[in-house]
PDB file of N, CA and C in Angstrom:
ATOM      1  N   MET A   1      -5.177  -0.726   0.790  1.00  0.00           N
ATOM      2  CA  MET A   1      -4.416  -0.229  -0.018  1.00  0.00           C
ATOM      3  C   MET A   1      -3.838  -1.925  -0.274  1.00  0.00           C
ATOM      4  N   ILE A   2      -3.574  -1.851  -1.802  1.00  0.00           N
ATOM      5  CA  ILE A   2      -3.319  -3.132  -2.124  1.00  0.00           C
ATOM      6  C   ILE A   2      -2.728  -3.403  -3.360  1.00  0.00           C
ATOM      7  N   GLU A   3      -1.898  -4.281  -3.883  1.00  0.00           N
ATOM      8  CA  GLU A   3      -1.515  -4.348  -5.125  1.00  0.00           C
ATOM      9  C   GLU A   3      -2.047  -5.802  -5.787  1.00  0.00           C
ATOM     10  N   VAL A   4      -2.161  -5.456  -6.864  1.00  0.00           N
ATOM     11  CA  VAL A   4      -3.092  -7.041  -7.345  1.00  0.00           C
ATOM     12  C   VAL A   4      -2.260  -7.230  -8.770  1.00  0.00           C
ATOM     13  N   ASN A   5      -1.642  -8.391  -8.953  1.00  0.00           N
ATOM     14  CA  ASN A   5      -0.897  -8.677  -9.898  1.00  0.00           C
ATOM     15  C   ASN A   5      -2.009  -8.992 -11.364  1.00  0.00           C
ATOM     16  N   THR A   6      -1.240  -9.385 -12.412  1.00  0.00           N
ATOM     17  CA  THR A   6      -1.830  -9.609 -13.545  1.00  0.00           C
ATOM     18  C   THR A   6      -2.386 -11.209 -13.297  1.00  0.00           C
ATOM     19  N   ALA A   7      -2.428 -11.844 -12.282  1.00  0.00           N
ATOM     20  CA  ALA A   7      -3.309 -12.812 -12.105  1.00  0.00           C
ATOM     21  C   ALA A   7      -4.457 -12.824 -11.227  1.00  0.00           C
ATOM     22  N   SER A   8      -4.553 -11.387 -10.660  1.00  0.00           N
ATOM     23  CA  SER A   8      -5.618 -11.043  -9.627  1.00  0.00           C
ATOM     24  C   SER A   8      -5.380 -11.453  -8.529  1.00  0.00           C
ATOM     25  N   ARG A   9      -3.945 -11.715  -7.971  1.00  0.00           N
ATOM     26  CA  ARG A   9      -3.640 -11.888  -6.822  1.00  0.00           C
ATOM     27  C   ARG A   9      -2.790 -10.581  -5.907  1.00  0.00           C
ATOM     28  N   HIS A  10      -3.218 -10.685  -4.759  1.00  0.00           N
ATOM     29  CA  HIS A  10      -2.397  -9.916  -3.955  1.00  0.00           C
ATOM     30  C   HIS A  10      -1.118 -10.115  -3.990  1.00  0.00           C
ATOM     31  N   ASP A  11      -0.328  -9.089  -4.180  1.00  0.00           N
ATOM     32  CA  ASP A  11       1.562  -8.838  -3.951  1.00  0.00           C
ATOM     33  C   ASP A  11       1.455  -7.848  -2.785  1.00  0.00           C
ATOM     34  N   PRO A  12       2.777  -8.044  -2.402  1.00  0.00           N
ATOM     35  CA  PRO A  12       3.059  -6.900  -1.260  1.00  0.00           C
ATOM     36  C   PRO A  12       3.029  -5.411  -2.301  1.00  0.00           C
ATOM     37  N   ILE A  13       3.028  -4.405  -1.342  1.00  0.00           N
ATOM     38  CA  ILE A  13       3.198  -2.995  -1.966  1.00  0.00           C
ATOM     39  C   ILE A  13       4.542  -2.799  -2.432  1.00  0.00           C
ATOM     40  N   SER A  14       4.613  -2.738  -3.923  1.00  0.00           N
ATOM     41  CA  SER A  14       5.560  -2.050  -4.693  1.00  0.00           C
ATOM     42  C   SER A  14       6.085  -0.434  -4.592  1.00  0.00           C
ATOM     43  N   ARG A  15       7.385  -0.279  -4.889  1.00  0.00           N
ATOM     44  CA  ARG A  15       7.599   1.086  -5.171  1.00  0.00           C
ATOM     45  C   ARG A  15       6.609   1.632  -6.246  1.00  0.00           C
ATOM     46  N   TYR A  16       6.460   0.749  -7.239  1.00  0.00           N
ATOM     47  CA  TYR A  16       5.695   1.186  -8.298  1.00  0.00           C
ATOM     48  C   TYR A  16       4.177   1.367  -8.063  1.00  0.00           C
ATOM     49  N   ALA A  17       3.601   0.464  -7.191  1.00  0.00           N
ATOM     50  CA  ALA A  17       2.410   0.934  -6.538  1.00  0.00           C
ATOM     51  C   ALA A  17       2.175   2.028  -5.898  1.00  0.00           C
ATOM     52  N   VAL A  18       3.287   2.380  -4.861  1.00  0.00           N
ATOM     53  CA  VAL A  18       3.238   3.522  -4.422  1.00  0.00           C
ATOM     54  C   VAL A  18       3.051   4.754  -5.396  1.00  0.00           C
ATOM     55  N   LEU A  19       3.847   4.789  -6.327  1.00  0.00           N
ATOM     56  CA  LEU A  19       4.104   5.933  -7.196  1.00  0.00           C
ATOM     57  C   LEU A  19       2.410   5.799  -8.004  1.00  0.00           C
ATOM     58  N   ALA A  20       2.046   4.661  -8.318  1.00  0.00           N
ATOM     59  CA  ALA A  20       0.735   4.667  -9.093  1.00  0.00           C
ATOM     60  C   ALA A  20      -0.714   5.441  -8.178  1.00  0.00           C
ATOM     61  N   PHE A  21      -0.441   5.084  -6.618  1.00  0.00           N
ATOM     62  CA  PHE A  21      -1.450   5.575  -5.803  1.00  0.00           C
ATOM     63  C   PHE A  21      -1.376   7.251  -5.455  1.00  0.00           C
ATOM     64  N   SER A  22      -0.288   7.632  -5.591  1.00  0.00           N
ATOM     65  CA  SER A  22       0.172   8.984  -4.891  1.00  0.00           C
ATOM     66  C   SER A  22      -0.620   9.746  -5.602  1.00  0.00           C
ATOM     67  N   PRO A  23      -1.140  10.097  -6.750  1.00  0.00           N
ATOM     68  CA  PRO A  23      -2.024  10.880  -7.525  1.00  0.00           C
ATOM     69  C   PRO A  23      -3.326  11.045  -6.833  1.00  0.00           C
ATOM     70  N   VAL A  24      -3.961   9.993  -6.343  1.00  0.00           N
ATOM     71  CA  VAL A  24      -4.934  10.390  -5.263  1.00  0.00           C
ATOM     72  C   VAL A  24      -5.204   9.990  -3.829  1.00  0.00           C
ATOM     73  N   MET A  25      -3.716  10.061  -3.282  1.00  0.00           N
ATOM     74  CA  MET A  25      -3.433   9.970  -2.055  1.00  0.00           C
ATOM     75  C   MET A  25      -4.080  11.430  -1.208  1.00  0.00           C
ATOM     76  N   SER A  26      -3.778  12.427  -1.811  1.00  0.00           N
ATOM     77  CA  SER A  26      -4.274  13.797  -1.438  1.00  0.00           C
ATOM     78  C   SER A  26      -5.689  13.597  -1.141  1.00  0.00           C
ATOM     79  N   SER A  27      -6.556  13.096  -2.000  1.00  0.00           N
ATOM     80  CA  SER A  27      -7.976  13.224  -1.786  1.00  0.00           C
ATOM     81  C   SER A  27      -8.576  12.333  -0.552  1.00  0.00           C
ATOM     82  N   ILE A  28      -7.657  11.604  -0.103  1.00  0.00           N
ATOM     83  CA  ILE A  28      -8.035  10.544   0.962  1.00  0.00           C
ATOM     84  C   ILE A  28      -7.788  11.337   2.283  1.00  0.00           C
ATOM     85  N   ASP A  29      -9.185  11.400   3.001  1.00  0.00           N
ATOM     86  CA  ASP A  29      -9.076  12.193   4.281  1.00  0.00           C
ATOM     87  C   ASP A  29      -8.217  11.275   5.114  1.00  0.00           C
ATOM     88  N   VAL A  30      -7.310  11.733   6.477  1.00  0.00           N
ATOM     89  CA  VAL A  30      -6.574  11.242   7.199  1.00  0.00           C
ATOM     90  C   VAL A  30      -7.370  10.622   8.054  1.00  0.00           C
ATOM     91  N   ASN A  31      -8.500  10.647   7.983  1.00  0.00           N
ATOM     92  CA  ASN A  31      -9.614   9.922   9.465  1.00  0.00           C
ATOM     93  C   ASN A  31      -9.972   8.366   8.392  1.00  0.00           C
ATOM     94  N   VAL A  32      -9.811   8.586   7.357  1.00  0.00           N
ATOM     95  CA  VAL A  32     -10.534   7.375   6.611  1.00  0.00           C
ATOM     96  C   VAL A  32      -9.737   6.196   6.955  1.00  0.00           C
ATOM     97  N   PRO A  33     -10.071   5.011   7.570  1.00  0.00           N
ATOM     98  CA  PRO A  33      -9.108   3.516   7.286  1.00  0.00           C
ATOM     99  C   PRO A  33      -8.995   3.159   6.380  1.00  0.00           C
ATOM    100  N   VAL A  34      -7.251   2.739   6.085  1.00  0.00           N
ATOM    101  CA  VAL A  34      -6.904   2.136   5.192  1.00  0.00           C
ATOM    102  C   VAL A  34      -6.949   0.751   5.598  1.00  0.00           C
ATOM    103  N   ILE A  35      -7.251  -0.314   4.540  1.00  0.00           N
ATOM    104  CA  ILE A  35      -7.431  -1.379   4.592  1.00  0.00           C
ATOM    105  C   ILE A  35      -6.127  -2.014   3.709  1.00  0.00           C
ATOM    106  N   LEU A  36      -4.910  -2.694   4.435  1.00  0.00           N
ATOM    107  CA  LEU A  36      -3.902  -3.590   3.535  1.00  0.00           C
ATOM    108  C   LEU A  36      -4.286  -4.996   3.531  1.00  0.00           C
ATOM    109  N   GLU A  37      -4.020  -5.481   2.403  1.00  0.00           N
ATOM    110  CA  GLU A  37      -4.568  -6.852   2.257  1.00  0.00           C
ATOM    111  C   GLU A  37      -3.224  -7.866   1.816  1.00  0.00           C
ATOM    112  N   PRO A  38      -2.232  -7.659   2.271  1.00  0.00           N
ATOM    113  CA  PRO A  38      -0.931  -8.272   1.797  1.00  0.00           C
ATOM    114  C   PRO A  38      -1.246  -9.794   2.473  1.00  0.00           C
ATOM    115  N   LEU A  39      -0.269 -10.688   1.510  1.00  0.00           N
ATOM    116  CA  LEU A  39      -0.473 -12.090   2.093  1.00  0.00           C
ATOM    117  C   LEU A  39       0.487 -12.470   2.554  1.00  0.00           C
ATOM    118  N   ILE A  40       0.453 -11.932   4.114  1.00  0.00           N
ATOM    119  CA  ILE A  40       1.444 -12.058   5.142  1.00  0.00           C
ATOM    120  C   ILE A  40       1.463 -13.622   5.348  1.00  0.00           C
ATOM    121  N   ASP A  41       0.172 -14.241   5.478  1.00  0.00           N
ATOM    122  CA  ASP A  41      -0.077 -16.044   5.863  1.00  0.00           C
ATOM    123  C   ASP A  41       0.877 -16.634   4.824  1.00  0.00           C
ATOM    124  N   GLN A  42       0.978 -16.039   3.869  1.00  0.00           N
ATOM    125  CA  GLN A  42       1.799 -17.117   2.825  1.00  0.00           C
ATOM    126  C   GLN A  42       3.228 -16.614   2.463  1.00  0.00           C
ATOM    127  N   GLY A  43       4.039 -16.083   3.615  1.00  0.00           N
ATOM    128  CA  GLY A  43       5.161 -15.405   3.333  1.00  0.00           C
ATOM    129  C   GLY A  43       5.551 -14.546   2.319  1.00  0.00           C
ATOM    130  N   GLN A  44       4.852 -13.760   1.824  1.00  0.00           N
ATOM    131  CA  GLN A  44       5.171 -12.614   0.684  1.00  0.00           C
ATOM    132  C   GLN A  44       5.783 -11.712   1.635  1.00  0.00           C
ATOM    133  N   SER A  45       5.251 -11.257   2.562  1.00  0.00           N
ATOM    134  CA  SER A  45       5.568 -10.064   3.382  1.00  0.00           C
ATOM    135  C   SER A  45       5.538 -10.080   4.859  1.00  0.00           C
ATOM    136  N   ASP A  46       5.904  -8.924   5.663  1.00  0.00           N
ATOM    137  CA  ASP A  46       5.582  -8.997   6.874  1.00  0.00           C
ATOM    138  C   ASP A  46       4.637  -7.743   7.385  1.00  0.00           C
ATOM    139  N   VAL A  47       4.194  -7.663   8.541  1.00  0.00           N
ATOM    140  CA  VAL A  47       3.016  -6.707   9.040  1.00  0.00           C
ATOM    141  C   VAL A  47       3.875  -5.272   9.079  1.00  0.00           C
ATOM    142  N   ALA A  48       5.605  -5.372   9.532  1.00  0.00           N
ATOM    143  CA  ALA A  48       6.002  -4.151   9.890  1.00  0.00           C
ATOM    144  C   ALA A  48       6.262  -3.589   8.344  1.00  0.00           C
ATOM    145  N   THR A  49       6.688  -4.713   7.345  1.00  0.00           N
ATOM    146  CA  THR A  49       7.156  -3.925   6.074  1.00  0.00           C
ATOM    147  C   THR A  49       5.886  -3.424   5.299  1.00  0.00           C
ATOM    148  N   GLU A  50       4.761  -4.237   5.493  1.00  0.00           N
ATOM    149  CA  GLU A  50       3.685  -3.743   4.303  1.00  0.00           C
ATOM    150  C   GLU A  50       3.106  -2.396   5.384  1.00  0.00           C
ATOM    151  N   LEU A  51       3.235  -2.052   6.775  1.00  0.00           N
ATOM    152  CA  LEU A  51       3.038  -0.885   7.190  1.00  0.00           C
ATOM    153  C   LEU A  51       3.587   0.450   6.859  1.00  0.00           C
ATOM    154  N   GLU A  52       5.163  -0.246   6.957  1.00  0.00           N
ATOM    155  CA  GLU A  52       6.040   0.799   6.212  1.00  0.00           C
ATOM    156  C   GLU A  52       5.895   1.344   4.884  1.00  0.00           C
ATOM    157  N   ARG A  53       5.577   0.183   4.140  1.00  0.00           N
ATOM    158  CA  ARG A  53       5.373   0.886   2.614  1.00  0.00           C
ATOM    159  C   ARG A  53       4.210   1.414   2.545  1.00  0.00           C
ATOM    160  N   ALA A  54       3.020   1.279   3.429  1.00  0.00           N
ATOM    161  CA  ALA A  54       1.726   2.248   3.451  1.00  0.00           C
ATOM    162  C   ALA A  54       1.882   3.449   4.032  1.00  0.00           C
ATOM    163  N   ARG A  55       2.915   3.742   4.883  1.00  0.00           N
ATOM    164  CA  ARG A  55       3.348   5.001   5.600  1.00  0.00           C
ATOM    165  C   ARG A  55       4.096   5.495   4.514  1.00  0.00           C
ATOM    166  N   SER A  56       5.072   5.229   3.678  1.00  0.00           N
ATOM    167  CA  SER A  56       5.769   5.745   2.802  1.00  0.00           C
ATOM    168  C   SER A  56       4.786   6.311   1.741  1.00  0.00           C
ATOM    169  N   ALA A  57       3.760   5.768   1.133  1.00  0.00           N
ATOM    170  CA  ALA A  57       2.742   6.258   0.384  1.00  0.00           C
ATOM    171  C   ALA A  57       2.481   7.356   0.607  1.00  0.00           C
ATOM    172  N   PHE A  58       1.826   7.454   1.633  1.00  0.00           N
ATOM    173  CA  PHE A  58       0.962   8.537   2.454  1.00  0.00           C
ATOM    174  C   PHE A  58       1.652   9.695   2.715  1.00  0.00           C
ATOM    175  N   THR A  59       2.993   9.319   3.512  1.00  0.00           N
ATOM    176  CA  THR A  59       4.161  10.528   3.664  1.00  0.00           C
ATOM    177  C   THR A  59       4.627  11.128   2.213  1.00  0.00           C
ATOM    178  N   ARG A  60       4.722  10.586   1.347  1.00  0.00           N
ATOM    179  CA  ARG A  60       5.140  11.189  -0.011  1.00  0.00           C
ATOM    180  C   ARG A  60       4.295  12.606  -0.180  1.00  0.00           C
ATOM    181  N   LEU A  61       2.871  12.260   0.139  1.00  0.00           N
ATOM    182  CA  LEU A  61       2.266  13.594  -0.112  1.00  0.00           C
ATOM    183  C   LEU A  61       2.220  14.666   0.898  1.00  0.00           C
ATOM    184  N   ALA A  62       2.574  14.186   1.826  1.00  0.00           N
ATOM    185  CA  ALA A  62       2.694  15.384   2.854  1.00  0.00           C
ATOM    186  C   ALA A  62       3.840  16.285   3.214  1.00  0.00           C
ATOM    187  N   ALA A  63       4.722  15.743   2.488  1.00  0.00           N
ATOM    188  CA  ALA A  63       6.173  16.128   2.129  1.00  0.00           C
ATOM    189  C   ALA A  63       6.184  17.783   1.305  1.00  0.00           C
TER     190      ALA A  63
END
């Protein structure tokens, strides 16, 4: 799960990306791995924040 900006570069997952992914989240089996590709090494975010954002995207549908 990534967000790609208009320059085709990866960005941290935004609230808008979470909303955009929401319609398809329910069709993803919970046993399918999710790949996060934020640019942690370039200081855009950190692992804990990106995991929480991804968790939030999936949790919104479970509620």
